[in-house]
């Protein structure tokens, strides 16, 4: 569609021409003889048709502009909606990736836990053997007691580290 300044100028030009034609017809009416009235009435009818056609065309252009503006607005709304959908899809993808990483970390923690349990069973059997030896030799019992206290301390430290890491993992997963 043509831009507004050109159509506005064209509209003004046409209105001026129609006014000029009206003035010419009025001037002719004042000076017309009886025989020219038929020709003058035909000119008046043509002027009426021109005015009618001009108003009709003007209204059609206005309607076309409004229609184009409405379509432009709807297209902008559709683009905005698509941008939102793309954003939500990308957020969903990031959440899925985060869940997959969290699942991997949990699986790794469960595997580590199983390994530690296996080592615990092995250490328990070693401890029972050492207890048997310590009952036979009292000096070895003191050494084993010190080893046991260090083991308890190491277990406490390991448990604290696992607890802190678990809390950090949950904090990361939730935020």
Protein backbone atom coordinates (compact mmCIF):
# COMPACT_ATOMS: atom_id res chain seq x y z
CA UNK A 1 0.00 0.00 0.00
CA UNK A 2 1.23 3.52 -0.67
CA UNK A 3 2.54 5.56 2.19
CA UNK A 4 0.33 8.07 4.01
CA UNK A 5 1.88 11.39 2.84
CA UNK A 6 1.37 10.54 -0.87
CA UNK A 7 -2.22 9.44 -0.42
CA UNK A 8 -2.97 12.46 1.76
CA UNK A 9 -1.57 14.82 -0.89
CA UNK A 10 -3.49 13.01 -3.61
CA UNK A 11 -6.67 13.23 -1.56
CA UNK A 12 -6.23 17.00 -1.12
CA UNK A 13 -5.54 17.44 -4.82
CA UNK A 14 -8.69 15.52 -5.75
CA UNK A 15 -10.80 17.52 -3.29
CA UNK A 16 -9.46 20.76 -4.79
CA UNK A 17 -10.26 19.53 -8.30
CA UNK A 18 -13.77 18.56 -7.27
CA UNK A 19 -14.25 22.01 -5.68
CA UNK A 20 -12.98 23.67 -8.83
CA UNK A 21 -15.37 21.58 -10.91
CA UNK A 22 -18.23 22.53 -8.57
CA UNK A 23 -17.32 26.22 -8.91
CA UNK A 24 -17.17 25.93 -12.70
CA UNK A 25 -20.57 24.25 -12.80
CA UNK A 26 -22.05 26.92 -10.51
CA UNK A 27 -20.57 29.66 -12.67
CA UNK A 28 -21.97 27.97 -15.79
CA UNK A 29 -25.35 27.70 -14.08
CA UNK A 30 -25.49 31.46 -13.64
CA UNK A 31 -24.61 32.12 -17.27
CA UNK A 32 -26.36 29.18 -18.88
CA UNK A 33 -29.10 29.56 -21.40
CA UNK A 34 -32.16 27.39 -21.52
CA UNK A 35 -30.60 25.08 -24.12
CA UNK A 36 -27.46 24.55 -22.02
CA UNK A 37 -29.39 23.36 -18.94
CA UNK A 38 -29.51 19.81 -20.27
CA UNK A 39 -25.72 19.77 -20.68
CA UNK A 40 -25.35 21.43 -17.27
CA UNK A 41 -27.55 18.82 -15.56
CA UNK A 42 -25.41 16.12 -17.13
CA UNK A 43 -22.29 17.83 -15.72
CA UNK A 44 -23.96 18.02 -12.30
CA UNK A 45 -24.77 14.30 -12.44
CA UNK A 46 -21.16 13.55 -13.38
CA UNK A 47 -19.94 15.74 -10.48
CA UNK A 48 -22.26 13.90 -8.11
CA UNK A 49 -20.88 10.54 -9.35
CA UNK A 50 -17.30 11.81 -9.01
CA UNK A 51 -17.95 12.93 -5.43
CA UNK A 52 -19.65 9.65 -4.63
CA UNK A 53 -16.81 7.61 -6.17
CA UNK A 54 -14.22 9.77 -4.38
CA UNK A 55 -15.87 9.18 -0.97
CA UNK A 56 -16.18 5.46 -1.69
CA UNK A 57 -12.49 5.19 -2.67
CA UNK A 58 -11.46 7.26 0.35
CA UNK A 59 -13.40 4.89 2.64
CA UNK A 60 -11.88 1.82 0.94
CA UNK A 61 -8.36 3.18 1.47
CA UNK A 62 -9.15 3.90 5.11
CA UNK A 63 -10.50 0.36 5.57
CA UNK A 64 -7.45 -1.13 3.87
CA UNK A 65 -5.13 0.84 6.18
CA UNK A 66 -7.03 -0.28 9.26
CA UNK A 67 -6.94 -3.87 8.00
CA UNK A 68 -3.19 -3.65 7.39
CA UNK A 69 -2.59 -2.17 10.85
CA UNK A 70 -4.66 -4.93 12.43
CA UNK A 71 -2.75 -7.62 10.54
CA UNK A 72 0.54 -6.02 11.55
CA UNK A 73 -0.54 -6.03 15.17
CA UNK A 74 -1.59 -9.67 14.97
CA UNK A 75 1.70 -10.64 13.32
CA UNK A 76 3.61 -8.87 16.10
CA UNK A 77 1.57 -10.78 18.67
CA UNK A 78 2.33 -14.07 16.91
CA UNK A 79 6.06 -13.28 16.80
CA UNK A 80 6.00 -12.40 20.49
CA UNK A 81 4.19 -15.65 21.30
CA UNK A 82 6.72 -17.67 19.26
CA UNK A 83 9.60 -15.95 21.06
CA UNK A 84 8.03 -16.90 24.39
CA UNK A 85 7.57 -20.48 23.25
CA UNK A 86 11.22 -20.66 22.15
CA UNK A 87 12.27 -19.28 25.53
CA UNK A 88 10.19 -21.85 27.39
CA UNK A 89 11.55 -24.67 25.23
CA UNK A 90 15.13 -23.59 25.90
CA UNK A 91 14.40 -23.35 29.64
CA UNK A 92 12.86 -26.82 29.54
CA UNK A 93 15.98 -28.13 27.77
CA UNK A 94 18.23 -26.56 30.41
CA UNK A 95 16.13 -28.11 33.18
CA UNK A 96 16.35 -31.53 31.52
CA UNK A 97 20.13 -31.17 31.23
CA UNK A 98 20.35 -30.20 34.91
CA UNK A 99 18.24 -33.20 35.91
CA UNK A 100 20.44 -35.50 33.83
CA UNK A 101 23.57 -34.16 35.53
CA UNK A 102 21.97 -34.51 38.95
CA UNK A 103 21.03 -38.12 38.12
CA UNK A 104 24.63 -38.79 37.05
CA UNK A 105 25.94 -37.32 40.30
CA UNK A 106 23.47 -39.35 42.36
CA UNK A 107 24.48 -42.52 40.51
CA UNK A 108 28.12 -41.71 41.17
CA UNK A 109 27.36 -41.14 44.86
CA UNK A 110 25.48 -44.46 45.05
CA UNK A 111 28.40 -46.29 43.38
CA UNK A 112 30.82 -44.67 45.81
CA UNK A 113 28.56 -45.69 48.69
CA UNK A 114 28.57 -49.32 47.51
CA UNK A 115 32.38 -49.26 47.23
CA UNK A 116 32.65 -47.82 50.73
CA UNK A 117 30.32 -50.50 52.10
CA UNK A 118 32.48 -53.19 50.47
CA UNK A 119 35.58 -51.63 52.00
CA UNK A 120 33.75 -51.45 55.34
CA UNK A 121 33.06 -55.18 55.26
CA UNK A 122 36.68 -55.85 54.41
CA UNK A 123 37.86 -53.53 57.19
CA UNK A 124 35.45 -55.17 59.68
CA UNK A 125 36.91 -58.59 58.99
CA UNK A 126 40.40 -57.12 59.34
CA UNK A 127 39.36 -55.47 62.61
CA UNK A 128 38.03 -58.71 64.04
CA UNK A 129 41.33 -60.40 63.24
CA UNK A 130 43.23 -57.55 64.83
CA UNK A 131 41.04 -57.77 67.94
CA UNK A 132 41.93 -61.42 68.25
CA UNK A 133 45.62 -60.61 67.97
CA UNK A 134 45.34 -57.72 70.43
CA UNK A 135 43.79 -59.95 73.04
CA UNK A 136 46.85 -62.18 72.81
CA UNK A 137 49.33 -59.29 72.91
CA UNK A 138 48.39 -56.31 75.19
CA UNK A 139 50.92 -53.89 73.60
CA UNK A 140 49.32 -54.44 70.24
CA UNK A 141 45.94 -53.68 71.90
CA UNK A 142 47.08 -50.14 72.74
CA UNK A 143 48.22 -49.58 69.17
CA UNK A 144 44.93 -50.97 67.87
CA UNK A 145 43.01 -48.67 70.24
CA UNK A 146 44.85 -45.67 68.77
CA UNK A 147 44.15 -46.93 65.27
CA UNK A 148 40.46 -47.34 66.17
CA UNK A 149 40.24 -43.76 67.49
CA UNK A 150 41.88 -42.46 64.28
CA UNK A 151 39.46 -44.56 62.25
CA UNK A 152 36.50 -43.06 64.13
CA UNK A 153 37.87 -39.57 63.55
CA UNK A 154 38.38 -40.29 59.82
CA UNK A 155 34.84 -41.70 59.60
CA UNK A 156 33.47 -38.54 61.19
CA UNK A 157 35.43 -36.34 58.77
CA UNK A 158 34.34 -38.42 55.76
CA UNK A 159 30.71 -38.32 56.88
CA UNK A 160 30.91 -34.53 57.29
CA UNK A 161 32.41 -34.09 53.83
CA UNK A 162 29.74 -36.31 52.27
CA UNK A 163 27.01 -34.41 54.13
CA UNK A 164 28.32 -31.00 53.03
CA UNK A 165 28.67 -32.16 49.43
CA UNK A 166 25.15 -33.59 49.48
CA UNK A 167 23.76 -30.29 50.79
CA UNK A 168 25.69 -28.35 48.13
CA UNK A 169 24.44 -30.71 45.43
CA UNK A 170 20.83 -30.27 46.55
CA UNK A 171 21.28 -26.51 46.80
CA UNK A 172 22.69 -26.42 43.24
CA UNK A 173 19.88 -28.63 41.91
CA UNK A 174 17.16 -26.49 43.48
CA UNK A 175 18.61 -23.12 42.48
